[in-house]
Amino acid sequence: MKRDNTLFPENKIGDILWKMLLAGDDLTQVRELQFSVIFAKYDQALKFGNLLLENNQKLSLCTYQGDEQMPWEVTAYPEVVPNYVNIVGYKDLLTKNSEPFSGKYDGWFCLPK
């Protein structure tokens, strides 16, 4: 199978999606993805979480062990088709909206289908 760089650009997100496709994942099916943003202070994470809740987003708020300076994590769980446009778009939306709360985007994940 030849890689279509418009659907699977040669970057981190495109590479992950390409590997998922090669492993037999059906990337046309809507599923729950996980996007995480980390924060230095609990109140920053809470305010960002409230913003997501106001926009009807499912989320979790918990401690984060991966960065001593950013010990709070908000994870959003949108249900979307896992494609490059959707993932980059949601990542950019979270990055932009977490900036006022000093949030740092920390990545995404989804289970295969």
PDB file of N, CA and C in Angstrom:
ATOM      1  N   MET A   1       0.853  -1.172   0.000  1.00  0.00           N
ATOM      2  CA  MET A   1       0.000   0.000   0.000  1.00  0.00           C
ATOM      3  C   MET A   1       0.900   1.236   0.000  1.00  0.00           C
ATOM      4  N   LYS A   2       0.564   2.183  -0.868  1.00  0.00           N
ATOM      5  CA  LYS A   2       1.339   3.413  -0.957  1.00  0.00           C
ATOM      6  C   LYS A   2       0.726   4.478  -0.037  1.00  0.00           C
ATOM      7  N   ARG A   3       1.578   5.171   0.665  1.00  0.00           N
ATOM      8  CA  ARG A   3       1.145   6.208   1.614  1.00  0.00           C
ATOM      9  C   ARG A   3       0.728   7.458   0.869  1.00  0.00           C
ATOM     10  N   ASP A   4      -0.486   7.951   1.183  1.00  0.00           N
ATOM     11  CA  ASP A   4      -0.991   9.216   0.631  1.00  0.00           C
ATOM     12  C   ASP A   4      -0.612  10.315   1.622  1.00  0.00           C
ATOM     13  N   ASN A   5       0.348  11.145   1.247  1.00  0.00           N
ATOM     14  CA  ASN A   5       0.842  12.180   2.165  1.00  0.00           C
ATOM     15  C   ASN A   5      -0.163  13.293   2.428  1.00  0.00           C
ATOM     16  N   THR A   6      -1.231  13.376   1.660  1.00  0.00           N
ATOM     17  CA  THR A   6      -2.261  14.365   1.977  1.00  0.00           C
ATOM     18  C   THR A   6      -3.129  13.872   3.136  1.00  0.00           C
ATOM     19  N   LEU A   7      -3.303  12.548   3.234  1.00  0.00           N
ATOM     20  CA  LEU A   7      -4.076  11.965   4.334  1.00  0.00           C
ATOM     21  C   LEU A   7      -3.196  11.610   5.530  1.00  0.00           C
ATOM     22  N   PHE A   8      -1.930  11.284   5.246  1.00  0.00           N
ATOM     23  CA  PHE A   8      -0.988  10.847   6.268  1.00  0.00           C
ATOM     24  C   PHE A   8       0.329  11.601   6.094  1.00  0.00           C
ATOM     25  N   PRO A   9       0.340  12.899   6.437  1.00  0.00           N
ATOM     26  CA  PRO A   9       1.573  13.689   6.273  1.00  0.00           C
ATOM     27  C   PRO A   9       2.737  13.067   7.039  1.00  0.00           C
ATOM     28  N   GLU A  10       3.927  13.361   6.591  1.00  0.00           N
ATOM     29  CA  GLU A  10       5.119  12.803   7.231  1.00  0.00           C
ATOM     30  C   GLU A  10       5.507  13.648   8.445  1.00  0.00           C
ATOM     31  N   ASN A  11       4.718  13.475   9.495  1.00  0.00           N
ATOM     32  CA  ASN A  11       4.983  14.086  10.798  1.00  0.00           C
ATOM     33  C   ASN A  11       4.456  13.122  11.855  1.00  0.00           C
ATOM     34  N   LYS A  12       4.539  13.494  13.108  1.00  0.00           N
ATOM     35  CA  LYS A  12       4.194  12.578  14.200  1.00  0.00           C
ATOM     36  C   LYS A  12       2.754  12.055  14.092  1.00  0.00           C
ATOM     37  N   ILE A  13       1.808  12.953  13.879  1.00  0.00           N
ATOM     38  CA  ILE A  13       0.403  12.536  13.796  1.00  0.00           C
ATOM     39  C   ILE A  13       0.169  11.676  12.561  1.00  0.00           C
ATOM     40  N   GLY A  14       0.679  12.125  11.413  1.00  0.00           N
ATOM     41  CA  GLY A  14       0.523  11.350  10.188  1.00  0.00           C
ATOM     42  C   GLY A  14       1.145   9.973  10.300  1.00  0.00           C
ATOM     43  N   ASP A  15       2.309   9.895  10.935  1.00  0.00           N
ATOM     44  CA  ASP A  15       2.994   8.611  11.113  1.00  0.00           C
ATOM     45  C   ASP A  15       2.170   7.654  11.980  1.00  0.00           C
ATOM     46  N   ILE A  16       1.598   8.162  13.061  1.00  0.00           N
ATOM     47  CA  ILE A  16       0.788   7.317  13.947  1.00  0.00           C
ATOM     48  C   ILE A  16      -0.437   6.804  13.198  1.00  0.00           C
ATOM     49  N   LEU A  17      -1.115   7.691  12.485  1.00  0.00           N
ATOM     50  CA  LEU A  17      -2.294   7.270  11.735  1.00  0.00           C
ATOM     51  C   LEU A  17      -1.936   6.250  10.662  1.00  0.00           C
ATOM     52  N   TRP A  18      -0.822   6.450   9.989  1.00  0.00           N
ATOM     53  CA  TRP A  18      -0.373   5.518   8.955  1.00  0.00           C
ATOM     54  C   TRP A  18      -0.111   4.134   9.570  1.00  0.00           C
ATOM     55  N   LYS A  19       0.554   4.098  10.716  1.00  0.00           N
ATOM     56  CA  LYS A  19       0.816   2.822  11.386  1.00  0.00           C
ATOM     57  C   LYS A  19      -0.487   2.151  11.818  1.00  0.00           C
ATOM     58  N   MET A  20      -1.448   2.949  12.268  1.00  0.00           N
ATOM     59  CA  MET A  20      -2.745   2.400  12.644  1.00  0.00           C
ATOM     60  C   MET A  20      -3.425   1.757  11.433  1.00  0.00           C
ATOM     61  N   LEU A  21      -3.391   2.441  10.310  1.00  0.00           N
ATOM     62  CA  LEU A  21      -4.000   1.912   9.085  1.00  0.00           C
ATOM     63  C   LEU A  21      -3.321   0.616   8.661  1.00  0.00           C
ATOM     64  N   LEU A  22      -1.996   0.595   8.672  1.00  0.00           N
ATOM     65  CA  LEU A  22      -1.250  -0.609   8.285  1.00  0.00           C
ATOM     66  C   LEU A  22      -1.528  -1.782   9.218  1.00  0.00           C
ATOM     67  N   ALA A  23      -1.864  -1.475  10.466  1.00  0.00           N
ATOM     68  CA  ALA A  23      -2.177  -2.528  11.439  1.00  0.00           C
ATOM     69  C   ALA A  23      -3.610  -3.041  11.286  1.00  0.00           C
ATOM     70  N   GLY A  24      -4.363  -2.476  10.336  1.00  0.00           N
ATOM     71  CA  GLY A  24      -5.720  -2.945  10.080  1.00  0.00           C
ATOM     72  C   GLY A  24      -6.808  -2.138  10.744  1.00  0.00           C
ATOM     73  N   ASP A  25      -6.462  -1.018  11.333  1.00  0.00           N
ATOM     74  CA  ASP A  25      -7.450  -0.165  11.996  1.00  0.00           C
ATOM     75  C   ASP A  25      -8.352   0.481  10.951  1.00  0.00           C
ATOM     76  N   ASP A  26      -9.660   0.495  11.212  1.00  0.00           N
ATOM     77  CA  ASP A  26     -10.617   1.157  10.321  1.00  0.00           C
ATOM     78  C   ASP A  26     -10.714   2.621  10.730  1.00  0.00           C
ATOM     79  N   LEU A  27      -9.975   3.466  10.050  1.00  0.00           N
ATOM     80  CA  LEU A  27      -9.913   4.888  10.400  1.00  0.00           C
ATOM     81  C   LEU A  27     -11.107   5.682   9.887  1.00  0.00           C
ATOM     82  N   THR A  28     -12.136   4.993   9.391  1.00  0.00           N
ATOM     83  CA  THR A  28     -13.343   5.688   8.939  1.00  0.00           C
ATOM     84  C   THR A  28     -14.436   5.663   9.996  1.00  0.00           C
ATOM     85  N   GLN A  29     -14.221   4.927  11.088  1.00  0.00           N
ATOM     86  CA  GLN A  29     -15.237   4.789  12.124  1.00  0.00           C
ATOM     87  C   GLN A  29     -15.080   5.837  13.223  1.00  0.00           C
ATOM     88  N   VAL A  30     -16.188   6.463  13.578  1.00  0.00           N
ATOM     89  CA  VAL A  30     -16.203   7.415  14.698  1.00  0.00           C
ATOM     90  C   VAL A  30     -15.874   6.644  15.967  1.00  0.00           C
ATOM     91  N   ARG A  31     -15.055   7.251  16.809  1.00  0.00           N
ATOM     92  CA  ARG A  31     -14.702   6.657  18.090  1.00  0.00           C
ATOM     93  C   ARG A  31     -14.260   7.748  19.056  1.00  0.00           C
ATOM     94  N   GLU A  32     -14.135   7.381  20.298  1.00  0.00           N
ATOM     95  CA  GLU A  32     -13.686   8.319  21.317  1.00  0.00           C
ATOM     96  C   GLU A  32     -12.165   8.430  21.274  1.00  0.00           C
ATOM     97  N   LEU A  33     -11.683   9.657  21.121  1.00  0.00           N
ATOM     98  CA  LEU A  33     -10.255   9.934  21.185  1.00  0.00           C
ATOM     99  C   LEU A  33      -9.979  10.617  22.520  1.00  0.00           C
ATOM    100  N   GLN A  34      -8.720  10.621  22.929  1.00  0.00           N
ATOM    101  CA  GLN A  34      -8.318  11.273  24.174  1.00  0.00           C
ATOM    102  C   GLN A  34      -7.249  12.306  23.857  1.00  0.00           C
ATOM    103  N   PHE A  35      -7.490  13.537  24.282  1.00  0.00           N
ATOM    104  CA  PHE A  35      -6.544  14.633  24.105  1.00  0.00           C
ATOM    105  C   PHE A  35      -6.227  15.211  25.475  1.00  0.00           C
ATOM    106  N   SER A  36      -4.942  15.312  25.804  1.00  0.00           N
ATOM    107  CA  SER A  36      -4.560  15.777  27.139  1.00  0.00           C
ATOM    108  C   SER A  36      -3.841  17.118  27.108  1.00  0.00           C
ATOM    109  N   VAL A  37      -4.144  17.922  28.116  1.00  0.00           N
ATOM    110  CA  VAL A  37      -3.492  19.212  28.341  1.00  0.00           C
ATOM    111  C   VAL A  37      -3.069  19.213  29.804  1.00  0.00           C
ATOM    112  N   ILE A  38      -1.835  19.653  30.068  1.00  0.00           N
ATOM    113  CA  ILE A  38      -1.336  19.656  31.445  1.00  0.00           C
ATOM    114  C   ILE A  38      -1.167  21.087  31.953  1.00  0.00           C
ATOM    115  N   PHE A  39      -1.209  21.218  33.290  1.00  0.00           N
ATOM    116  CA  PHE A  39      -1.207  22.526  33.938  1.00  0.00           C
ATOM    117  C   PHE A  39      -0.329  22.508  35.183  1.00  0.00           C
ATOM    118  N   ALA A  40       0.168  23.684  35.540  1.00  0.00           N
ATOM    119  CA  ALA A  40       0.994  23.822  36.741  1.00  0.00           C
ATOM    120  C   ALA A  40       0.147  23.874  38.006  1.00  0.00           C
ATOM    121  N   LYS A  41      -1.046  24.435  37.903  1.00  0.00           N
ATOM    122  CA  LYS A  41      -1.879  24.635  39.091  1.00  0.00           C
ATOM    123  C   LYS A  41      -3.258  24.027  38.886  1.00  0.00           C
ATOM    124  N   TYR A  42      -3.776  23.503  39.991  1.00  0.00           N
ATOM    125  CA  TYR A  42      -5.099  22.881  39.975  1.00  0.00           C
ATOM    126  C   TYR A  42      -6.171  23.853  39.485  1.00  0.00           C
ATOM    127  N   ASP A  43      -6.134  25.107  39.964  1.00  0.00           N
ATOM    128  CA  ASP A  43      -7.187  26.054  39.585  1.00  0.00           C
ATOM    129  C   ASP A  43      -7.143  26.368  38.088  1.00  0.00           C
ATOM    130  N   GLN A  44      -5.970  26.350  37.469  1.00  0.00           N
ATOM    131  CA  GLN A  44      -5.878  26.552  36.017  1.00  0.00           C
ATOM    132  C   GLN A  44      -6.541  25.388  35.284  1.00  0.00           C
ATOM    133  N   ALA A  45      -6.239  24.185  35.734  1.00  0.00           N
ATOM    134  CA  ALA A  45      -6.828  22.990  35.119  1.00  0.00           C
ATOM    135  C   ALA A  45      -8.343  22.990  35.293  1.00  0.00           C
ATOM    136  N   LEU A  46      -8.791  23.372  36.470  1.00  0.00           N
ATOM    137  CA  LEU A  46     -10.222  23.407  36.754  1.00  0.00           C
ATOM    138  C   LEU A  46     -10.940  24.427  35.869  1.00  0.00           C
ATOM    139  N   LYS A  47     -10.360  25.603  35.711  1.00  0.00           N
ATOM    140  CA  LYS A  47     -10.975  26.634  34.857  1.00  0.00           C
ATOM    141  C   LYS A  47     -11.033  26.179  33.406  1.00  0.00           C
ATOM    142  N   PHE A  48      -9.970  25.534  32.935  1.00  0.00           N
ATOM    143  CA  PHE A  48      -9.977  25.009  31.568  1.00  0.00           C
ATOM    144  C   PHE A  48     -11.024  23.902  31.434  1.00  0.00           C
ATOM    145  N   GLY A  49     -11.095  23.032  32.430  1.00  0.00           N
ATOM    146  CA  GLY A  49     -12.108  21.985  32.423  1.00  0.00           C
ATOM    147  C   GLY A  49     -13.514  22.556  32.377  1.00  0.00           C
ATOM    148  N   ASN A  50     -13.754  23.631  33.121  1.00  0.00           N
ATOM    149  CA  ASN A  50     -15.066  24.286  33.086  1.00  0.00           C
ATOM    150  C   ASN A  50     -15.379  24.819  31.695  1.00  0.00           C
ATOM    151  N   LEU A  51     -14.373  25.369  31.025  1.00  0.00           N
ATOM    152  CA  LEU A  51     -14.564  25.846  29.654  1.00  0.00           C
ATOM    153  C   LEU A  51     -14.987  24.699  28.742  1.00  0.00           C
ATOM    154  N   LEU A  52     -14.335  23.557  28.885  1.00  0.00           N
ATOM    155  CA  LEU A  52     -14.710  22.395  28.074  1.00  0.00           C
ATOM    156  C   LEU A  52     -16.129  21.926  28.398  1.00  0.00           C
ATOM    157  N   LEU A  53     -16.469  21.903  29.689  1.00  0.00           N
ATOM    158  CA  LEU A  53     -17.823  21.499  30.074  1.00  0.00           C
ATOM    159  C   LEU A  53     -18.881  22.443  29.515  1.00  0.00           C
ATOM    160  N   GLU A  54     -18.584  23.735  29.499  1.00  0.00           N
ATOM    161  CA  GLU A  54     -19.516  24.712  28.927  1.00  0.00           C
ATOM    162  C   GLU A  54     -19.749  24.462  27.444  1.00  0.00           C
ATOM    163  N   ASN A  55     -18.809  23.768  26.809  1.00  0.00           N
ATOM    164  CA  ASN A  55     -18.926  23.438  25.392  1.00  0.00           C
ATOM    165  C   ASN A  55     -19.285  21.964  25.185  1.00  0.00           C
ATOM    166  N   ASN A  56     -19.918  21.388  26.213  1.00  0.00           N
ATOM    167  CA  ASN A  56     -20.448  20.024  26.154  1.00  0.00           C
ATOM    168  C   ASN A  56     -19.408  18.957  25.843  1.00  0.00           C
ATOM    169  N   GLN A  57     -18.208  19.128  26.365  1.00  0.00           N
ATOM    170  CA  GLN A  57     -17.151  18.154  26.158  1.00  0.00           C
ATOM    171  C   GLN A  57     -17.053  17.231  27.363  1.00  0.00           C
ATOM    172  N   LYS A  58     -16.895  15.948  27.092  1.00  0.00           N
ATOM    173  CA  LYS A  58     -16.621  14.969  28.141  1.00  0.00           C
ATOM    174  C   LYS A  58     -15.153  15.126  28.529  1.00  0.00           C
ATOM    175  N   LEU A  59     -14.855  15.094  29.845  1.00  0.00           N
ATOM    176  CA  LEU A  59     -13.472  15.293  30.260  1.00  0.00           C
ATOM    177  C   LEU A  59     -13.186  14.624  31.587  1.00  0.00           C
ATOM    178  N   SER A  60     -11.915  14.546  31.904  1.00  0.00           N
ATOM    179  CA  SER A  60     -11.464  14.114  33.227  1.00  0.00           C
ATOM    180  C   SER A  60     -10.384  15.088  33.684  1.00  0.00           C
ATOM    181  N   LEU A  61     -10.260  15.219  34.996  1.00  0.00           N
ATOM    182  CA  LEU A  61      -9.228  16.049  35.615  1.00  0.00           C
ATOM    183  C   LEU A  61      -8.553  15.189  36.667  1.00  0.00           C
ATOM    184  N   CYS A  62      -7.239  15.027  36.555  1.00  0.00           N
ATOM    185  CA  CYS A  62      -6.512  14.181  37.502  1.00  0.00           C
ATOM    186  C   CYS A  62      -5.069  14.657  37.635  1.00  0.00           C
ATOM    187  N   THR A  63      -4.355  14.047  38.571  1.00  0.00           N
ATOM    188  CA  THR A  63      -2.940  14.371  38.709  1.00  0.00           C
ATOM    189  C   THR A  63      -2.182  13.756  37.544  1.00  0.00           C
ATOM    190  N   TYR A  64      -1.016  14.358  37.254  1.00  0.00           N
ATOM    191  CA  TYR A  64      -0.181  13.930  36.141  1.00  0.00           C
ATOM    192  C   TYR A  64       1.226  13.676  36.663  1.00  0.00           C
ATOM    193  N   GLN A  65       1.763  12.512  36.391  1.00  0.00           N
ATOM    194  CA  GLN A  65       3.067  12.122  36.917  1.00  0.00           C
ATOM    195  C   GLN A  65       4.228  12.436  35.981  1.00  0.00           C
ATOM    196  N   GLY A  66       3.961  12.823  34.736  1.00  0.00           N
ATOM    197  CA  GLY A  66       5.013  12.964  33.734  1.00  0.00           C
ATOM    198  C   GLY A  66       5.820  14.242  33.779  1.00  0.00           C
ATOM    199  N   ASP A  67       5.413  15.226  34.581  1.00  0.00           N
ATOM    200  CA  ASP A  67       6.113  16.520  34.617  1.00  0.00           C
ATOM    201  C   ASP A  67       5.891  17.139  35.993  1.00  0.00           C
ATOM    202  N   GLU A  68       6.943  17.245  36.780  1.00  0.00           N
ATOM    203  CA  GLU A  68       6.813  17.783  38.136  1.00  0.00           C
ATOM    204  C   GLU A  68       6.318  19.232  38.146  1.00  0.00           C
ATOM    205  N   GLN A  69       6.625  19.979  37.095  1.00  0.00           N
ATOM    206  CA  GLN A  69       6.214  21.379  37.017  1.00  0.00           C
ATOM    207  C   GLN A  69       4.758  21.542  36.555  1.00  0.00           C
ATOM    208  N   MET A  70       4.210  20.491  35.953  1.00  0.00           N
ATOM    209  CA  MET A  70       2.844  20.521  35.417  1.00  0.00           C
ATOM    210  C   MET A  70       2.108  19.283  35.942  1.00  0.00           C
ATOM    211  N   PRO A  71       1.705  19.279  37.222  1.00  0.00           N
ATOM    212  CA  PRO A  71       1.176  18.054  37.825  1.00  0.00           C
ATOM    213  C   PRO A  71      -0.323  17.805  37.651  1.00  0.00           C
ATOM    214  N   TRP A  72      -1.008  18.624  36.851  1.00  0.00           N
ATOM    215  CA  TRP A  72      -2.455  18.453  36.662  1.00  0.00           C
ATOM    216  C   TRP A  72      -2.765  18.227  35.193  1.00  0.00           C
ATOM    217  N   GLU A  73      -3.647  17.267  34.932  1.00  0.00           N
ATOM    218  CA  GLU A  73      -3.985  16.903  33.561  1.00  0.00           C
ATOM    219  C   GLU A  73      -5.492  16.946  33.342  1.00  0.00           C
ATOM    220  N   VAL A  74      -5.885  17.610  32.255  1.00  0.00           N
ATOM    221  CA  VAL A  74      -7.268  17.571  31.790  1.00  0.00           C
ATOM    222  C   VAL A  74      -7.259  16.785  30.489  1.00  0.00           C
ATOM    223  N   THR A  75      -8.083  15.761  30.426  1.00  0.00           N
ATOM    224  CA  THR A  75      -8.207  14.969  29.215  1.00  0.00           C
ATOM    225  C   THR A  75      -9.620  15.132  28.681  1.00  0.00           C
ATOM    226  N   ALA A  76      -9.717  15.503  27.404  1.00  0.00           N
ATOM    227  CA  ALA A  76     -11.001  15.633  26.720  1.00  0.00           C
ATOM    228  C   ALA A  76     -11.215  14.389  25.870  1.00  0.00           C
ATOM    229  N   TYR A  77     -12.487  13.983  25.728  1.00  0.00           N
ATOM    230  CA  TYR A  77     -12.835  12.754  25.039  1.00  0.00           C
ATOM    231  C   TYR A  77     -13.853  13.011  23.918  1.00  0.00           C
ATOM    232  N   PRO A  78     -13.458  13.684  22.842  1.00  0.00           N
ATOM    233  CA  PRO A  78     -14.405  13.892  21.747  1.00  0.00           C
ATOM    234  C   PRO A  78     -14.625  12.595  20.963  1.00  0.00           C
ATOM    235  N   GLU A  79     -15.796  12.468  20.374  1.00  0.00           N
ATOM    236  CA  GLU A  79     -16.078  11.337  19.495  1.00  0.00           C
ATOM    237  C   GLU A  79     -16.006  11.838  18.063  1.00  0.00           C
ATOM    238  N   VAL A  80     -14.971  11.387  17.356  1.00  0.00           N
ATOM    239  CA  VAL A  80     -14.723  11.839  15.986  1.00  0.00           C
ATOM    240  C   VAL A  80     -14.117  10.699  15.170  1.00  0.00           C
ATOM    241  N   VAL A  81     -14.063  10.898  13.869  1.00  0.00           N
ATOM    242  CA  VAL A  81     -13.325  10.001  12.993  1.00  0.00           C
ATOM    243  C   VAL A  81     -11.843  10.329  13.183  1.00  0.00           C
ATOM    244  N   PRO A  82     -11.001   9.329  13.443  1.00  0.00           N
ATOM    245  CA  PRO A  82      -9.581   9.612  13.673  1.00  0.00           C
ATOM    246  C   PRO A  82      -8.827   9.846  12.366  1.00  0.00           C
ATOM    247  N   ASN A  83      -8.937  11.051  11.868  1.00  0.00           N
ATOM    248  CA  ASN A  83      -8.165  11.408  10.678  1.00  0.00           C
ATOM    249  C   ASN A  83      -7.311  12.633  10.988  1.00  0.00           C
ATOM    250  N   TYR A  84      -6.405  12.926  10.099  1.00  0.00           N
ATOM    251  CA  TYR A  84      -5.426  13.990  10.331  1.00  0.00           C
ATOM    252  C   TYR A  84      -6.098  15.340  10.575  1.00  0.00           C
ATOM    253  N   VAL A  85      -7.060  15.685   9.756  1.00  0.00           N
ATOM    254  CA  VAL A  85      -7.727  16.994   9.869  1.00  0.00           C
ATOM    255  C   VAL A  85      -8.423  17.123  11.228  1.00  0.00           C
ATOM    256  N   ASN A  86      -9.144  16.094  11.644  1.00  0.00           N
ATOM    257  CA  ASN A  86      -9.847  16.154  12.927  1.00  0.00           C
ATOM    258  C   ASN A  86      -8.890  16.231  14.102  1.00  0.00           C
ATOM    259  N   ILE A  87      -7.827  15.451  14.053  1.00  0.00           N
ATOM    260  CA  ILE A  87      -6.885  15.432  15.170  1.00  0.00           C
ATOM    261  C   ILE A  87      -6.135  16.750  15.279  1.00  0.00           C
ATOM    262  N   VAL A  88      -5.625  17.251  14.172  1.00  0.00           N
ATOM    263  CA  VAL A  88      -4.912  18.537  14.201  1.00  0.00           C
ATOM    264  C   VAL A  88      -5.859  19.669  14.591  1.00  0.00           C
ATOM    265  N   GLY A  89      -7.070  19.644  14.070  1.00  0.00           N
ATOM    266  CA  GLY A  89      -8.044  20.685  14.405  1.00  0.00           C
ATOM    267  C   GLY A  89      -8.383  20.719  15.880  1.00  0.00           C
ATOM    268  N   TYR A  90      -8.613  19.548  16.485  1.00  0.00           N
ATOM    269  CA  TYR A  90      -8.950  19.504  17.902  1.00  0.00           C
ATOM    270  C   TYR A  90      -7.739  19.867  18.759  1.00  0.00           C
ATOM    271  N   LYS A  91      -6.572  19.395  18.356  1.00  0.00           N
ATOM    272  CA  LYS A  91      -5.321  19.750  19.050  1.00  0.00           C
ATOM    273  C   LYS A  91      -5.136  21.266  19.051  1.00  0.00           C
ATOM    274  N   ASP A  92      -5.313  21.896  17.894  1.00  0.00           N
ATOM    275  CA  ASP A  92      -5.150  23.347  17.792  1.00  0.00           C
ATOM    276  C   ASP A  92      -6.187  24.088  18.638  1.00  0.00           C
ATOM    277  N   LEU A  93      -7.416  23.580  18.655  1.00  0.00           N
ATOM    278  CA  LEU A  93      -8.474  24.190  19.460  1.00  0.00           C
ATOM    279  C   LEU A  93      -8.133  24.123  20.953  1.00  0.00           C
ATOM    280  N   LEU A  94      -7.672  22.960  21.403  1.00  0.00           N
ATOM    281  CA  LEU A  94      -7.285  22.827  22.808  1.00  0.00           C
ATOM    282  C   LEU A  94      -6.084  23.707  23.144  1.00  0.00           C
ATOM    283  N   THR A  95      -5.109  23.737  22.260  1.00  0.00           N
ATOM    284  CA  THR A  95      -3.917  24.554  22.492  1.00  0.00           C
ATOM    285  C   THR A  95      -4.293  26.020  22.635  1.00  0.00           C
ATOM    286  N   LYS A  96      -5.092  26.504  21.711  1.00  0.00           N
ATOM    287  CA  LYS A  96      -5.508  27.921  21.732  1.00  0.00           C
ATOM    288  C   LYS A  96      -6.311  28.241  22.998  1.00  0.00           C
ATOM    289  N   ASN A  97      -7.257  27.375  23.335  1.00  0.00           N
ATOM    290  CA  ASN A  97      -8.131  27.665  24.471  1.00  0.00           C
ATOM    291  C   ASN A  97      -7.501  27.398  25.827  1.00  0.00           C
ATOM    292  N   SER A  98      -6.403  26.651  25.861  1.00  0.00           N
ATOM    293  CA  SER A  98      -5.727  26.417  27.147  1.00  0.00           C
ATOM    294  C   SER A  98      -4.657  27.473  27.434  1.00  0.00           C
ATOM    295  N   GLU A  99      -4.274  28.256  26.438  1.00  0.00           N
ATOM    296  CA  GLU A  99      -3.236  29.283  26.633  1.00  0.00           C
ATOM    297  C   GLU A  99      -3.558  30.267  27.754  1.00  0.00           C
ATOM    298  N   PRO A 100      -4.797  30.773  27.854  1.00  0.00           N
ATOM    299  CA  PRO A 100      -5.082  31.715  28.951  1.00  0.00           C
ATOM    300  C   PRO A 100      -4.904  31.103  30.347  1.00  0.00           C
ATOM    301  N   PHE A 101      -4.883  29.773  30.423  1.00  0.00           N
ATOM    302  CA  PHE A 101      -4.736  29.074  31.697  1.00  0.00           C
ATOM    303  C   PHE A 101      -3.333  28.464  31.832  1.00  0.00           C
ATOM    304  N   SER A 102      -2.427  28.864  30.939  1.00  0.00           N
ATOM    305  CA  SER A 102      -1.041  28.369  30.918  1.00  0.00           C
ATOM    306  C   SER A 102      -0.956  26.858  30.736  1.00  0.00           C
ATOM    307  N   GLY A 103      -1.889  26.327  29.947  1.00  0.00           N
ATOM    308  CA  GLY A 103      -1.889  24.899  29.667  1.00  0.00           C
ATOM    309  C   GLY A 103      -0.883  24.528  28.587  1.00  0.00           C
ATOM    310  N   LYS A 104      -0.471  23.279  28.608  1.00  0.00           N
ATOM    311  CA  LYS A 104       0.478  22.752  27.628  1.00  0.00           C
ATOM    312  C   LYS A 104      -0.113  21.471  27.041  1.00  0.00           C
ATOM    313  N   TYR A 105      -0.348  21.476  25.740  1.00  0.00           N
ATOM    314  CA  TYR A 105      -0.872  20.287  25.064  1.00  0.00           C
ATOM    315  C   TYR A 105       0.098  19.130  25.274  1.00  0.00           C
ATOM    316  N   ASP A 106      -0.442  17.939  25.585  1.00  0.00           N
ATOM    317  CA  ASP A 106       0.424  16.812  25.920  1.00  0.00           C
ATOM    318  C   ASP A 106       0.217  15.576  25.045  1.00  0.00           C
ATOM    319  N   GLY A 107      -0.697  15.626  24.081  1.00  0.00           N
ATOM    320  CA  GLY A 107      -0.819  14.508  23.158  1.00  0.00           C
ATOM    321  C   GLY A 107      -2.217  13.945  23.063  1.00  0.00           C
ATOM    322  N   TRP A 108      -2.347  12.938  22.184  1.00  0.00           N
ATOM    323  CA  TRP A 108      -3.643  12.295  21.949  1.00  0.00           C
ATOM    324  C   TRP A 108      -3.450  10.782  21.875  1.00  0.00           C
ATOM    325  N   PHE A 109      -4.588  10.074  21.991  1.00  0.00           N
ATOM    326  CA  PHE A 109      -4.582   8.621  21.983  1.00  0.00           C
ATOM    327  C   PHE A 109      -5.950   8.135  21.540  1.00  0.00           C
ATOM    328  N   CYS A 110      -5.995   6.988  20.890  1.00  0.00           N
ATOM    329  CA  CYS A 110      -7.261   6.321  20.639  1.00  0.00           C
ATOM    330  C   CYS A 110      -7.045   4.820  20.558  1.00  0.00           C
ATOM    331  N   LEU A 111      -8.066   4.085  20.919  1.00  0.00           N
ATOM    332  CA  LEU A 111      -8.025   2.632  20.812  1.00  0.00           C
ATOM    333  C   LEU A 111      -8.327   2.218  19.382  1.00  0.00           C
ATOM    334  N   PRO A 112      -7.743   1.135  18.911  1.00  0.00           N
ATOM    335  CA  PRO A 112      -8.023   0.676  17.545  1.00  0.00           C
ATOM    336  C   PRO A 112      -9.433   0.102  17.413  1.00  0.00           C
ATOM    337  N   LYS A 113      -9.933   0.137  16.190  1.00  0.00           N
ATOM    338  CA  LYS A 113     -11.233  -0.493  15.868  1.00  0.00           C
ATOM    339  C   LYS A 113     -11.017  -1.421  14.711  1.00  0.00           C
TER     340      LYS A 113
END
